[in-house]
């Protein structure tokens, strides 16, 4: 995989990432970090339910 060398190439990658995941300006923000995820009682998400 080629590594972008020009600033415009990096900006294009960041835009595509933001458009796809709706996480603008967050590229590499969680790299190497421990992120605590807490369950909110009484709130159900369609992603959390299984049939």
N, C-alpha and C. Protein backbone atom coordinates (compact mmCIF):
# COMPACT_ATOMS: atom_id res chain seq x y z
N UNK A 1 0.85 -1.17 0.00
CA UNK A 1 0.00 0.00 0.00
C UNK A 1 0.91 1.24 0.00
N UNK A 2 0.75 2.10 -0.99
CA UNK A 2 1.59 3.29 -1.04
C UNK A 2 1.20 4.30 0.04
N UNK A 3 2.19 4.98 0.54
CA UNK A 3 1.97 6.00 1.56
C UNK A 3 1.85 7.37 0.88
N UNK A 4 0.81 8.13 1.18
CA UNK A 4 0.67 9.45 0.57
C UNK A 4 1.86 10.34 0.95
N UNK A 5 2.27 11.15 -0.01
CA UNK A 5 3.41 12.03 0.22
C UNK A 5 3.04 13.50 0.23
N UNK A 6 1.99 13.85 -0.47
CA UNK A 6 1.59 15.26 -0.59
C UNK A 6 0.45 15.56 0.38
N UNK A 7 0.41 16.80 0.91
CA UNK A 7 -0.67 17.17 1.84
C UNK A 7 -2.07 16.95 1.27
N UNK A 8 -2.24 17.21 -0.02
CA UNK A 8 -3.57 17.02 -0.62
C UNK A 8 -4.00 15.56 -0.61
N UNK A 9 -3.04 14.65 -0.73
CA UNK A 9 -3.37 13.23 -0.67
C UNK A 9 -3.86 12.85 0.72
N UNK A 10 -3.20 13.38 1.76
CA UNK A 10 -3.62 13.11 3.13
C UNK A 10 -5.00 13.70 3.40
N UNK A 11 -5.24 14.89 2.89
CA UNK A 11 -6.55 15.53 3.09
C UNK A 11 -7.66 14.73 2.42
N UNK A 12 -7.37 14.17 1.26
CA UNK A 12 -8.35 13.35 0.56
C UNK A 12 -8.67 12.09 1.36
N UNK A 13 -7.65 11.46 1.93
CA UNK A 13 -7.86 10.26 2.75
C UNK A 13 -8.68 10.61 3.99
N UNK A 14 -8.35 11.73 4.64
CA UNK A 14 -9.10 12.15 5.83
C UNK A 14 -10.56 12.44 5.48
N UNK A 15 -10.80 13.06 4.31
CA UNK A 15 -12.18 13.34 3.90
C UNK A 15 -12.95 12.05 3.64
N UNK A 16 -12.32 11.10 2.96
CA UNK A 16 -12.99 9.82 2.69
C UNK A 16 -13.30 9.09 3.99
N UNK A 17 -12.38 9.11 4.94
CA UNK A 17 -12.60 8.48 6.25
C UNK A 17 -13.77 9.14 6.96
N UNK A 18 -13.78 10.47 6.99
CA UNK A 18 -14.87 11.20 7.64
C UNK A 18 -16.21 10.95 6.99
N UNK A 19 -16.23 10.91 5.66
CA UNK A 19 -17.49 10.66 4.96
C UNK A 19 -18.00 9.25 5.23
N UNK A 20 -17.09 8.30 5.29
CA UNK A 20 -17.51 6.90 5.48
C UNK A 20 -17.97 6.63 6.91
N UNK A 21 -17.22 7.11 7.89
CA UNK A 21 -17.48 6.75 9.29
C UNK A 21 -18.11 7.87 10.11
N UNK A 22 -18.34 9.04 9.52
CA UNK A 22 -18.88 10.21 10.21
C UNK A 22 -18.04 10.57 11.44
N UNK A 23 -16.73 10.42 11.31
CA UNK A 23 -15.78 10.79 12.36
C UNK A 23 -14.75 11.73 11.74
N UNK A 24 -15.16 12.96 11.52
CA UNK A 24 -14.28 13.91 10.87
C UNK A 24 -13.17 14.35 11.83
N UNK A 25 -11.98 14.50 11.31
CA UNK A 25 -10.79 14.94 12.06
C UNK A 25 -10.43 14.00 13.20
N UNK A 26 -10.75 12.73 13.07
CA UNK A 26 -10.45 11.76 14.12
C UNK A 26 -9.51 10.66 13.64
N UNK A 27 -8.88 10.83 12.51
CA UNK A 27 -7.98 9.80 12.00
C UNK A 27 -6.85 9.61 13.00
N UNK A 28 -6.68 8.39 13.46
CA UNK A 28 -5.61 8.01 14.38
C UNK A 28 -5.80 8.58 15.79
N UNK A 29 -6.98 9.08 16.12
CA UNK A 29 -7.19 9.68 17.43
C UNK A 29 -7.18 8.65 18.55
N UNK A 30 -7.55 7.40 18.26
CA UNK A 30 -7.61 6.40 19.32
C UNK A 30 -6.48 5.39 19.24
N UNK A 31 -5.48 5.63 18.42
CA UNK A 31 -4.38 4.71 18.25
C UNK A 31 -3.61 4.56 19.56
N UNK A 32 -3.56 3.35 20.09
CA UNK A 32 -2.80 3.08 21.29
C UNK A 32 -3.47 3.53 22.57
N UNK A 33 -4.69 3.95 22.49
CA UNK A 33 -5.40 4.44 23.67
C UNK A 33 -6.38 3.38 24.17
N UNK A 34 -6.59 3.36 25.46
CA UNK A 34 -7.62 2.51 26.04
C UNK A 34 -8.87 3.36 26.19
N UNK A 35 -9.94 2.90 25.60
CA UNK A 35 -11.19 3.66 25.62
C UNK A 35 -12.22 2.87 26.42
N UNK A 36 -12.70 3.45 27.50
CA UNK A 36 -13.71 2.80 28.33
C UNK A 36 -15.08 2.99 27.69
N UNK A 37 -15.81 1.90 27.55
CA UNK A 37 -17.16 1.95 27.00
C UNK A 37 -18.11 1.52 28.10
N UNK A 38 -19.03 2.39 28.45
CA UNK A 38 -19.97 2.12 29.53
C UNK A 38 -21.36 1.91 28.96
N UNK A 39 -22.07 0.95 29.51
CA UNK A 39 -23.44 0.68 29.11
C UNK A 39 -24.37 1.59 29.90
N UNK A 40 -25.25 2.27 29.20
CA UNK A 40 -26.23 3.12 29.85
C UNK A 40 -27.46 2.27 30.11
N UNK A 41 -27.81 2.11 31.38
CA UNK A 41 -28.96 1.29 31.73
C UNK A 41 -30.25 1.91 31.24
N UNK A 42 -31.13 1.09 30.73
CA UNK A 42 -32.43 1.55 30.27
C UNK A 42 -32.43 2.04 28.83
N UNK A 43 -31.29 2.01 28.18
CA UNK A 43 -31.21 2.46 26.79
C UNK A 43 -30.79 1.28 25.94
N UNK A 44 -31.61 0.91 24.98
CA UNK A 44 -31.29 -0.21 24.10
C UNK A 44 -31.00 0.32 22.70
N UNK A 45 -29.99 -0.20 22.11
CA UNK A 45 -29.62 0.16 20.74
C UNK A 45 -29.96 -1.00 19.82
N UNK A 46 -30.38 -0.74 18.59
CA UNK A 46 -30.63 -1.84 17.65
C UNK A 46 -29.38 -2.69 17.43
N UNK A 47 -28.21 -2.10 17.59
CA UNK A 47 -26.97 -2.85 17.41
C UNK A 47 -26.69 -3.77 18.59
N UNK A 48 -27.30 -3.50 19.73
CA UNK A 48 -27.02 -4.28 20.93
C UNK A 48 -27.99 -5.45 21.10
N UNK A 49 -29.04 -5.47 20.30
CA UNK A 49 -30.02 -6.54 20.44
C UNK A 49 -29.80 -7.61 19.40
N UNK A 50 -30.05 -8.83 19.77
CA UNK A 50 -29.94 -9.94 18.82
C UNK A 50 -31.24 -10.71 18.83
N UNK A 51 -31.52 -11.39 17.74
CA UNK A 51 -32.75 -12.18 17.68
C UNK A 51 -32.42 -13.63 17.49
